[in-house]
Amino acid sequence: MSRLHKILLGVFCGGVLLCGIGLGVMVLEFSEVTYGGIQIVGGTEMETKDMDVKFEPGETFRMGIRNVNGYGDMDEILEDLSVPENTVRFRVTYNGARVEPEVYCDEENHEIYFHRYWKGGDDLAVIMEVKDLFLESIRERKIYTYDAIDFEEIQVRINPANREDVYLLF
């Protein structure tokens, strides 16, 4: 084996040794990190609003409620005697700093649509807040899930007399 091969073999073995030491240090450091849960970022101005949509029930069709933006919160229709007949009531708890909910009835397609309007907001400020929180959590040896709240709860309520007239579409 020539002198050059010995030098290259020594450099290679030294690199593998340093990588092993680095990996060991990383595993020791990471094993001390714990999960801290969910941390809410951005402005939160939680509001609860009741929104009523009237519809005309008929024998030829049933009214479907379509969740346009795909919120997973709407999974059942609650019966409530305080809701007037032929009315669907959405009770929405939402972050007024980020979104504005809206519902409307499309009589032609026999559907009620629930969706949101973005109010805008400063996404760069949220990103910078997450960056600062992330760096602070690393110093504490914790990792968090960061979330910005749009909707906390969405309830769909109808009068029991209209139970057969309304169903959920997904």
N, C-alpha and C. Protein backbone atom coordinates (compact mmCIF):
# COMPACT_ATOMS: atom_id res chain seq x y z
N MET A 1 0.85 -1.16 0.00
CA MET A 1 0.00 0.00 0.00
C MET A 1 0.90 1.23 0.00
N SER A 2 0.60 2.13 -0.87
CA SER A 2 1.46 3.31 -0.99
C SER A 2 1.15 4.30 0.13
N ARG A 3 2.03 5.25 0.28
CA ARG A 3 1.91 6.27 1.32
C ARG A 3 0.62 7.08 1.13
N LEU A 4 0.25 7.40 -0.11
CA LEU A 4 -0.97 8.16 -0.40
C LEU A 4 -2.21 7.39 0.04
N HIS A 5 -2.22 6.08 -0.25
CA HIS A 5 -3.37 5.26 0.17
C HIS A 5 -3.51 5.23 1.68
N LYS A 6 -2.37 5.16 2.40
CA LYS A 6 -2.42 5.15 3.87
C LYS A 6 -2.98 6.46 4.40
N ILE A 7 -2.58 7.57 3.80
CA ILE A 7 -3.07 8.88 4.23
C ILE A 7 -4.57 8.99 3.97
N LEU A 8 -5.00 8.57 2.77
CA LEU A 8 -6.43 8.64 2.44
C LEU A 8 -7.25 7.72 3.35
N LEU A 9 -6.73 6.54 3.66
CA LEU A 9 -7.42 5.62 4.56
C LEU A 9 -7.52 6.22 5.96
N GLY A 10 -6.46 6.88 6.41
CA GLY A 10 -6.48 7.54 7.72
C GLY A 10 -7.49 8.68 7.77
N VAL A 11 -7.55 9.49 6.70
CA VAL A 11 -8.53 10.58 6.63
C VAL A 11 -9.95 10.02 6.63
N PHE A 12 -10.17 8.95 5.86
CA PHE A 12 -11.49 8.33 5.80
C PHE A 12 -11.90 7.79 7.17
N CYS A 13 -11.01 7.07 7.84
CA CYS A 13 -11.33 6.51 9.16
C CYS A 13 -11.56 7.63 10.18
N GLY A 14 -10.78 8.70 10.10
CA GLY A 14 -10.98 9.85 10.99
C GLY A 14 -12.34 10.50 10.75
N GLY A 15 -12.76 10.61 9.49
CA GLY A 15 -14.08 11.17 9.17
C GLY A 15 -15.20 10.31 9.70
N VAL A 16 -15.06 8.98 9.55
CA VAL A 16 -16.08 8.07 10.06
C VAL A 16 -16.14 8.18 11.59
N LEU A 17 -15.00 8.27 12.25
CA LEU A 17 -14.95 8.41 13.70
C LEU A 17 -15.62 9.70 14.15
N LEU A 18 -15.32 10.82 13.48
CA LEU A 18 -15.94 12.10 13.83
C LEU A 18 -17.44 12.08 13.58
N CYS A 19 -17.89 11.45 12.50
CA CYS A 19 -19.33 11.32 12.23
C CYS A 19 -20.01 10.50 13.33
N GLY A 20 -19.36 9.43 13.77
CA GLY A 20 -19.90 8.61 14.85
C GLY A 20 -20.02 9.38 16.14
N ILE A 21 -18.98 10.17 16.45
CA ILE A 21 -19.03 10.99 17.67
C ILE A 21 -20.16 12.02 17.56
N GLY A 22 -20.29 12.66 16.41
CA GLY A 22 -21.35 13.65 16.20
C GLY A 22 -22.73 13.03 16.32
N LEU A 23 -22.88 11.83 15.75
CA LEU A 23 -24.17 11.14 15.85
C LEU A 23 -24.48 10.79 17.29
N GLY A 24 -23.51 10.34 18.03
CA GLY A 24 -23.71 10.01 19.44
C GLY A 24 -24.13 11.23 20.25
N VAL A 25 -23.46 12.35 20.03
CA VAL A 25 -23.82 13.59 20.73
C VAL A 25 -25.24 14.02 20.36
N MET A 26 -25.59 13.92 19.08
CA MET A 26 -26.93 14.30 18.63
C MET A 26 -27.99 13.42 19.29
N VAL A 27 -27.77 12.11 19.35
CA VAL A 27 -28.73 11.20 19.97
C VAL A 27 -28.89 11.52 21.45
N LEU A 28 -27.79 11.80 22.14
CA LEU A 28 -27.87 12.14 23.56
C LEU A 28 -28.65 13.45 23.76
N GLU A 29 -28.40 14.45 22.95
CA GLU A 29 -29.10 15.72 23.06
C GLU A 29 -30.58 15.56 22.74
N PHE A 30 -30.89 14.84 21.68
CA PHE A 30 -32.28 14.70 21.24
C PHE A 30 -33.08 13.82 22.21
N SER A 31 -32.44 12.89 22.88
CA SER A 31 -33.16 12.02 23.81
C SER A 31 -33.67 12.79 25.01
N GLU A 32 -33.14 13.95 25.28
CA GLU A 32 -33.59 14.79 26.40
C GLU A 32 -34.73 15.71 26.00
N VAL A 33 -35.08 15.79 24.73
CA VAL A 33 -36.14 16.67 24.26
C VAL A 33 -37.49 16.00 24.52
N THR A 34 -38.45 16.79 25.05
CA THR A 34 -39.79 16.27 25.32
C THR A 34 -40.81 17.03 24.48
N TYR A 35 -41.99 16.44 24.34
CA TYR A 35 -43.08 17.07 23.59
C TYR A 35 -43.88 17.94 24.55
N GLY A 36 -44.10 19.18 24.19
CA GLY A 36 -44.77 20.13 25.06
C GLY A 36 -46.24 20.33 24.76
N GLY A 37 -46.77 19.74 23.71
CA GLY A 37 -48.19 19.89 23.38
C GLY A 37 -48.41 20.92 22.28
N ILE A 38 -49.61 21.46 22.26
CA ILE A 38 -50.00 22.43 21.22
C ILE A 38 -49.86 23.84 21.79
N GLN A 39 -49.28 24.71 21.00
CA GLN A 39 -49.15 26.11 21.38
C GLN A 39 -49.86 26.96 20.34
N ILE A 40 -50.75 27.83 20.77
CA ILE A 40 -51.54 28.68 19.89
C ILE A 40 -50.74 29.93 19.55
N VAL A 41 -50.70 30.26 18.26
CA VAL A 41 -49.98 31.45 17.81
C VAL A 41 -50.95 32.38 17.09
N GLY A 42 -50.53 33.61 16.93
CA GLY A 42 -51.38 34.59 16.25
C GLY A 42 -52.43 35.15 17.18
N GLY A 43 -53.13 36.15 16.71
CA GLY A 43 -54.17 36.77 17.51
C GLY A 43 -55.37 35.86 17.67
N THR A 44 -55.96 35.86 18.86
CA THR A 44 -57.17 35.07 19.09
C THR A 44 -58.23 35.98 19.69
N GLU A 45 -59.22 36.27 18.91
CA GLU A 45 -60.39 37.04 19.35
C GLU A 45 -61.60 36.13 19.16
N MET A 46 -61.78 35.19 20.08
CA MET A 46 -62.82 34.18 19.93
C MET A 46 -64.20 34.80 20.09
N GLU A 47 -65.08 34.48 19.16
CA GLU A 47 -66.45 34.96 19.15
C GLU A 47 -67.37 33.78 18.88
N THR A 48 -68.58 33.86 19.40
CA THR A 48 -69.61 32.86 19.11
C THR A 48 -70.77 33.57 18.45
N LYS A 49 -71.23 33.00 17.35
CA LYS A 49 -72.28 33.63 16.56
C LYS A 49 -73.28 32.58 16.13
N ASP A 50 -74.56 32.93 16.20
CA ASP A 50 -75.63 32.09 15.66
C ASP A 50 -76.03 32.66 14.31
N MET A 51 -76.03 31.81 13.30
CA MET A 51 -76.43 32.22 11.95
C MET A 51 -77.58 31.32 11.50
N ASP A 52 -78.71 31.93 11.18
CA ASP A 52 -79.89 31.18 10.75
C ASP A 52 -80.06 31.26 9.25
N VAL A 53 -80.42 30.13 8.67
CA VAL A 53 -80.72 30.05 7.24
C VAL A 53 -82.09 29.42 7.10
N LYS A 54 -83.00 30.12 6.46
CA LYS A 54 -84.34 29.58 6.24
C LYS A 54 -84.35 28.80 4.93
N PHE A 55 -85.17 27.74 4.88
CA PHE A 55 -85.31 26.95 3.67
C PHE A 55 -86.77 26.51 3.56
N GLU A 56 -87.13 26.13 2.36
CA GLU A 56 -88.48 25.64 2.10
C GLU A 56 -88.43 24.13 1.92
N PRO A 57 -88.95 23.38 2.89
CA PRO A 57 -88.94 21.93 2.73
C PRO A 57 -89.98 21.52 1.70
N GLY A 58 -89.70 20.46 1.02
CA GLY A 58 -90.64 19.98 0.02
C GLY A 58 -90.66 18.46 0.00
N GLU A 59 -91.67 17.92 -0.63
CA GLU A 59 -91.78 16.47 -0.70
C GLU A 59 -90.81 15.89 -1.74
N THR A 60 -90.36 16.72 -2.67
CA THR A 60 -89.54 16.20 -3.77
C THR A 60 -88.05 16.24 -3.48
N PHE A 61 -87.62 16.97 -2.44
CA PHE A 61 -86.17 17.03 -2.18
C PHE A 61 -85.93 17.23 -0.69
N ARG A 62 -84.70 16.93 -0.30
CA ARG A 62 -84.22 17.22 1.04
C ARG A 62 -83.09 18.23 0.92
N MET A 63 -82.96 19.10 1.87
CA MET A 63 -81.92 20.13 1.87
C MET A 63 -80.63 19.55 2.43
N GLY A 64 -79.53 19.68 1.67
CA GLY A 64 -78.23 19.18 2.13
C GLY A 64 -77.35 20.33 2.58
N ILE A 65 -76.58 20.11 3.64
CA ILE A 65 -75.64 21.12 4.13
C ILE A 65 -74.25 20.73 3.65
N ARG A 66 -73.66 21.59 2.84
CA ARG A 66 -72.33 21.32 2.27
C ARG A 66 -71.30 22.16 3.00
N ASN A 67 -70.27 21.48 3.45
CA ASN A 67 -69.16 22.11 4.15
C ASN A 67 -68.10 22.45 3.11
N VAL A 68 -68.15 23.67 2.60
CA VAL A 68 -67.35 24.05 1.44
C VAL A 68 -65.85 23.97 1.70
N ASN A 69 -65.39 24.49 2.82
CA ASN A 69 -63.96 24.56 3.07
C ASN A 69 -63.40 23.33 3.77
N GLY A 70 -64.19 22.30 4.00
CA GLY A 70 -63.69 21.04 4.53
C GLY A 70 -63.36 21.05 5.99
N TYR A 71 -64.10 21.76 6.81
CA TYR A 71 -63.86 21.71 8.24
C TYR A 71 -64.36 20.38 8.77
N GLY A 72 -63.57 19.72 9.54
CA GLY A 72 -63.96 18.41 10.05
C GLY A 72 -64.89 18.48 11.26
N ASP A 73 -65.26 19.69 11.69
CA ASP A 73 -66.04 19.86 12.90
C ASP A 73 -67.51 19.53 12.72
N MET A 74 -68.01 19.58 11.50
CA MET A 74 -69.43 19.38 11.25
C MET A 74 -69.68 17.90 10.95
N ASP A 75 -70.03 17.14 11.99
CA ASP A 75 -70.23 15.72 11.76
C ASP A 75 -71.61 15.23 12.17
N GLU A 76 -72.44 16.11 12.72
CA GLU A 76 -73.79 15.70 13.09
C GLU A 76 -74.71 16.91 13.12
N ILE A 77 -75.99 16.62 13.01
CA ILE A 77 -77.01 17.66 13.11
C ILE A 77 -77.72 17.46 14.45
N LEU A 78 -77.74 18.53 15.25
CA LEU A 78 -78.37 18.47 16.57
C LEU A 78 -79.81 18.96 16.47
N GLU A 79 -80.69 18.33 17.20
CA GLU A 79 -82.08 18.78 17.25
C GLU A 79 -82.25 19.72 18.43
N ASP A 80 -82.92 20.85 18.18
CA ASP A 80 -83.07 21.90 19.19
C ASP A 80 -84.45 22.52 19.02
N LEU A 81 -85.27 22.46 20.07
CA LEU A 81 -86.62 23.01 20.00
C LEU A 81 -86.64 24.54 19.90
N SER A 82 -85.54 25.20 20.28
CA SER A 82 -85.51 26.67 20.21
C SER A 82 -85.30 27.18 18.78
N VAL A 83 -84.93 26.30 17.86
CA VAL A 83 -84.75 26.70 16.46
C VAL A 83 -86.11 26.69 15.78
N PRO A 84 -86.48 27.76 15.08
CA PRO A 84 -87.77 27.77 14.38
C PRO A 84 -87.82 26.70 13.29
N GLU A 85 -89.03 26.27 12.96
CA GLU A 85 -89.19 25.29 11.89
C GLU A 85 -88.71 25.88 10.57
N ASN A 86 -88.24 25.00 9.68
CA ASN A 86 -87.73 25.37 8.35
C ASN A 86 -86.53 26.32 8.45
N THR A 87 -85.72 26.14 9.48
CA THR A 87 -84.53 26.96 9.69
C THR A 87 -83.38 26.06 10.13
N VAL A 88 -82.21 26.34 9.58
CA VAL A 88 -80.99 25.68 10.04
C VAL A 88 -80.19 26.74 10.78
N ARG A 89 -79.78 26.41 12.01
CA ARG A 89 -78.99 27.36 12.82
C ARG A 89 -77.58 26.82 12.96
N PHE A 90 -76.62 27.65 12.56
CA PHE A 90 -75.21 27.34 12.75
C PHE A 90 -74.73 28.12 13.97
N ARG A 91 -74.25 27.42 14.98
CA ARG A 91 -73.64 28.08 16.14
C ARG A 91 -72.14 27.87 15.98
N VAL A 92 -71.45 28.97 15.70
CA VAL A 92 -70.03 28.91 15.32
C VAL A 92 -69.20 29.68 16.35
N THR A 93 -68.18 29.03 16.87
CA THR A 93 -67.19 29.69 17.71
C THR A 93 -65.93 29.79 16.87
N TYR A 94 -65.51 31.02 16.59
CA TYR A 94 -64.43 31.25 15.63
C TYR A 94 -63.51 32.36 16.10
N ASN A 95 -62.36 32.45 15.46
CA ASN A 95 -61.37 33.47 15.75
C ASN A 95 -61.66 34.67 14.85
N GLY A 96 -62.27 35.69 15.43
CA GLY A 96 -62.65 36.88 14.66
C GLY A 96 -61.46 37.66 14.11
N ALA A 97 -60.26 37.41 14.62
CA ALA A 97 -59.08 38.10 14.11
C ALA A 97 -58.63 37.52 12.77
N ARG A 98 -59.03 36.28 12.46
CA ARG A 98 -58.55 35.63 11.25
C ARG A 98 -59.63 35.37 10.20
N VAL A 99 -60.85 35.00 10.63
CA VAL A 99 -61.87 34.57 9.68
C VAL A 99 -63.22 35.19 10.01
N GLU A 100 -64.11 35.14 9.04
CA GLU A 100 -65.51 35.52 9.21
C GLU A 100 -66.36 34.44 8.55
N PRO A 101 -67.19 33.72 9.33
CA PRO A 101 -68.01 32.66 8.74
C PRO A 101 -69.22 33.23 8.00
N GLU A 102 -69.69 32.46 7.03
CA GLU A 102 -70.88 32.85 6.28
C GLU A 102 -71.63 31.60 5.85
N VAL A 103 -72.95 31.69 5.85
CA VAL A 103 -73.80 30.61 5.35
C VAL A 103 -74.81 31.21 4.40
N TYR A 104 -75.20 30.43 3.40
CA TYR A 104 -76.27 30.86 2.51
C TYR A 104 -76.95 29.63 1.92
N CYS A 105 -78.16 29.85 1.44
CA CYS A 105 -78.99 28.77 0.93
C CYS A 105 -79.07 28.87 -0.59
N ASP A 106 -78.78 27.78 -1.27
CA ASP A 106 -78.91 27.67 -2.72
C ASP A 106 -80.14 26.82 -2.99
N GLU A 107 -81.29 27.49 -3.19
CA GLU A 107 -82.56 26.77 -3.38
C GLU A 107 -82.55 25.93 -4.65
N GLU A 108 -81.84 26.40 -5.68
CA GLU A 108 -81.82 25.67 -6.95
C GLU A 108 -81.18 24.30 -6.81
N ASN A 109 -80.07 24.22 -6.08
CA ASN A 109 -79.37 22.94 -5.88
C ASN A 109 -79.75 22.25 -4.58
N HIS A 110 -80.64 22.88 -3.81
CA HIS A 110 -81.12 22.30 -2.54
C HIS A 110 -79.98 22.09 -1.55
N GLU A 111 -79.12 23.08 -1.44
CA GLU A 111 -77.98 22.96 -0.53
C GLU A 111 -77.82 24.24 0.28
N ILE A 112 -77.33 24.07 1.50
CA ILE A 112 -76.92 25.19 2.34
C ILE A 112 -75.40 25.12 2.42
N TYR A 113 -74.75 26.23 2.13
CA TYR A 113 -73.28 26.27 2.11
C TYR A 113 -72.75 26.99 3.35
N PHE A 114 -71.76 26.40 3.97
CA PHE A 114 -71.04 27.03 5.07
C PHE A 114 -69.60 27.24 4.61
N HIS A 115 -69.13 28.47 4.70
CA HIS A 115 -67.74 28.73 4.34
C HIS A 115 -67.22 29.90 5.14
N ARG A 116 -65.98 30.28 4.90
CA ARG A 116 -65.34 31.36 5.66
C ARG A 116 -64.72 32.36 4.71
N TYR A 117 -64.58 33.56 5.20
CA TYR A 117 -63.80 34.60 4.52
C TYR A 117 -62.57 34.88 5.37
N TRP A 118 -61.44 34.91 4.72
CA TRP A 118 -60.21 35.29 5.42
C TRP A 118 -60.22 36.79 5.61
N LYS A 119 -59.87 37.21 6.80
CA LYS A 119 -59.79 38.64 7.07
C LYS A 119 -58.40 39.19 6.75
N GLY A 120 -57.56 38.33 6.28
CA GLY A 120 -56.20 38.77 5.99
C GLY A 120 -55.30 38.43 7.15
N GLY A 121 -54.89 39.43 7.86
CA GLY A 121 -53.99 39.18 8.97
C GLY A 121 -52.55 39.24 8.50
N ASP A 122 -51.67 39.30 9.44
CA ASP A 122 -50.26 39.44 9.14
C ASP A 122 -49.59 38.08 9.29
N ASP A 123 -49.48 37.34 8.19
CA ASP A 123 -48.88 36.01 8.23
C ASP A 123 -47.40 36.06 8.57
N LEU A 124 -46.71 37.11 8.14
CA LEU A 124 -45.29 37.23 8.47
C LEU A 124 -45.10 37.39 9.98
N ALA A 125 -45.99 38.12 10.62
CA ALA A 125 -45.90 38.26 12.08
C ALA A 125 -46.11 36.91 12.77
N VAL A 126 -47.01 36.09 12.25
CA VAL A 126 -47.24 34.76 12.82
C VAL A 126 -46.00 33.89 12.62
N ILE A 127 -45.40 33.95 11.43
CA ILE A 127 -44.19 33.17 11.16
C ILE A 127 -43.06 33.58 12.10
N MET A 128 -42.90 34.87 12.30
CA MET A 128 -41.83 35.34 13.19
C MET A 128 -42.11 34.95 14.64
N GLU A 129 -43.39 34.95 15.03
CA GLU A 129 -43.74 34.51 16.38
C GLU A 129 -43.43 33.03 16.56
N VAL A 130 -43.74 32.22 15.55
CA VAL A 130 -43.42 30.78 15.62
C VAL A 130 -41.91 30.58 15.69
N LYS A 131 -41.16 31.35 14.92
CA LYS A 131 -39.69 31.24 14.96
C LYS A 131 -39.16 31.52 16.36
N ASP A 132 -39.64 32.61 16.97
CA ASP A 132 -39.18 32.95 18.32
C ASP A 132 -39.58 31.90 19.34
N LEU A 133 -40.82 31.42 19.24
CA LEU A 133 -41.27 30.37 20.16
C LEU A 133 -40.50 29.07 19.97
N PHE A 134 -40.19 28.73 18.71
CA PHE A 134 -39.44 27.51 18.42
C PHE A 134 -38.03 27.58 19.01
N LEU A 135 -37.35 28.70 18.82
CA LEU A 135 -36.00 28.84 19.36
C LEU A 135 -36.00 28.80 20.89
N GLU A 136 -37.01 29.43 21.51
CA GLU A 136 -37.12 29.40 22.96
C GLU A 136 -37.40 27.97 23.46
N SER A 137 -38.25 27.24 22.73
CA SER A 137 -38.57 25.87 23.15
C SER A 137 -37.37 24.95 23.02
N ILE A 138 -36.52 25.18 22.02
CA ILE A 138 -35.30 24.37 21.89
C ILE A 138 -34.39 24.60 23.09
N ARG A 139 -34.33 25.85 23.56
CA ARG A 139 -33.52 26.12 24.76
C ARG A 139 -34.09 25.40 25.98
N GLU A 140 -35.42 25.25 26.02
CA GLU A 140 -36.07 24.54 27.13
C GLU A 140 -36.06 23.03 26.94
N ARG A 141 -35.55 22.57 25.80
CA ARG A 141 -35.52 21.15 25.43
C ARG A 141 -36.92 20.58 25.30
N LYS A 142 -37.79 21.34 24.65
CA LYS A 142 -39.16 20.90 24.37
C LYS A 142 -39.48 21.22 22.92
N ILE A 143 -40.38 20.40 22.35
CA ILE A 143 -40.88 20.64 20.99
C ILE A 143 -42.39 20.76 21.08
N TYR A 144 -42.94 21.78 20.44
CA TYR A 144 -44.38 22.02 20.47
C TYR A 144 -44.95 21.90 19.06
N THR A 145 -46.26 21.69 19.01
CA THR A 145 -47.01 21.82 17.77
C THR A 145 -47.61 23.22 17.78
N TYR A 146 -47.38 23.98 16.72
CA TYR A 146 -47.87 25.35 16.65
C TYR A 146 -49.11 25.38 15.76
N ASP A 147 -50.14 26.06 16.24
CA ASP A 147 -51.40 26.09 15.50
C ASP A 147 -52.01 27.48 15.63
N ALA A 148 -52.63 27.93 14.55
CA ALA A 148 -53.40 29.18 14.55
C ALA A 148 -54.87 28.78 14.44
N ILE A 149 -55.69 29.27 15.35
CA ILE A 149 -57.09 28.85 15.41
C ILE A 149 -57.93 29.65 14.43
N ASP A 150 -58.73 28.93 13.64
CA ASP A 150 -59.75 29.56 12.81
C ASP A 150 -61.12 29.30 13.43
N PHE A 151 -61.47 28.02 13.60
CA PHE A 151 -62.74 27.62 14.19
C PHE A 151 -62.49 26.74 15.39
N GLU A 152 -63.22 26.99 16.46
CA GLU A 152 -63.13 26.13 17.63
C GLU A 152 -64.25 25.10 17.62
N GLU A 153 -65.46 25.54 17.22
CA GLU A 153 -66.58 24.63 17.21
C GLU A 153 -67.62 25.11 16.20
N ILE A 154 -68.22 24.15 15.49
CA ILE A 154 -69.29 24.44 14.56
C ILE A 154 -70.41 23.45 14.86
N GLN A 155 -71.56 23.97 15.25
CA GLN A 155 -72.72 23.12 15.52
C GLN A 155 -73.81 23.44 14.51
N VAL A 156 -74.46 22.41 14.02
CA VAL A 156 -75.60 22.56 13.12
C VAL A 156 -76.82 22.11 13.90
N ARG A 157 -77.80 23.02 14.01
CA ARG A 157 -79.00 22.74 14.79
C ARG A 157 -80.24 22.94 13.94
N ILE A 158 -81.22 22.07 14.13
CA ILE A 158 -82.50 22.19 13.44
C ILE A 158 -83.62 21.87 14.41
N ASN A 159 -84.81 22.24 14.03
CA ASN A 159 -86.00 21.88 14.79
C ASN A 159 -86.27 20.40 14.55
N PRO A 160 -86.68 19.66 15.57
CA PRO A 160 -86.95 18.22 15.37
C PRO A 160 -87.99 17.94 14.29
N ALA A 161 -88.88 18.90 14.02
CA ALA A 161 -89.89 18.69 12.98
C ALA A 161 -89.25 18.60 11.59
N ASN A 162 -88.05 19.14 11.42
CA ASN A 162 -87.37 19.13 10.12
C ASN A 162 -86.30 18.05 10.02
N ARG A 163 -86.32 17.07 10.90
CA ARG A 163 -85.26 16.05 10.92
C ARG A 163 -85.12 15.33 9.58
N GLU A 164 -86.20 15.06 8.92
CA GLU A 164 -86.14 14.33 7.65
C GLU A 164 -85.86 15.25 6.45
N ASP A 165 -85.84 16.56 6.68
CA ASP A 165 -85.65 17.50 5.58
C ASP A 165 -84.20 17.92 5.38
N VAL A 166 -83.33 17.65 6.36
CA VAL A 166 -81.95 18.18 6.33
C VAL A 166 -80.96 17.06 6.59
N TYR A 167 -79.86 17.06 5.84
CA TYR A 167 -78.78 16.10 6.06
C TYR A 167 -77.45 16.76 5.68
N LEU A 168 -76.34 16.16 6.10
CA LEU A 168 -75.00 16.71 5.83
C LEU A 168 -74.44 16.13 4.53
N LEU A 169 -73.82 16.99 3.75
CA LEU A 169 -73.07 16.56 2.56
C LEU A 169 -71.60 16.80 2.83
N PHE A 170 -70.73 15.89 2.38
CA PHE A 170 -69.30 16.11 2.53
C PHE A 170 -68.61 15.92 1.22
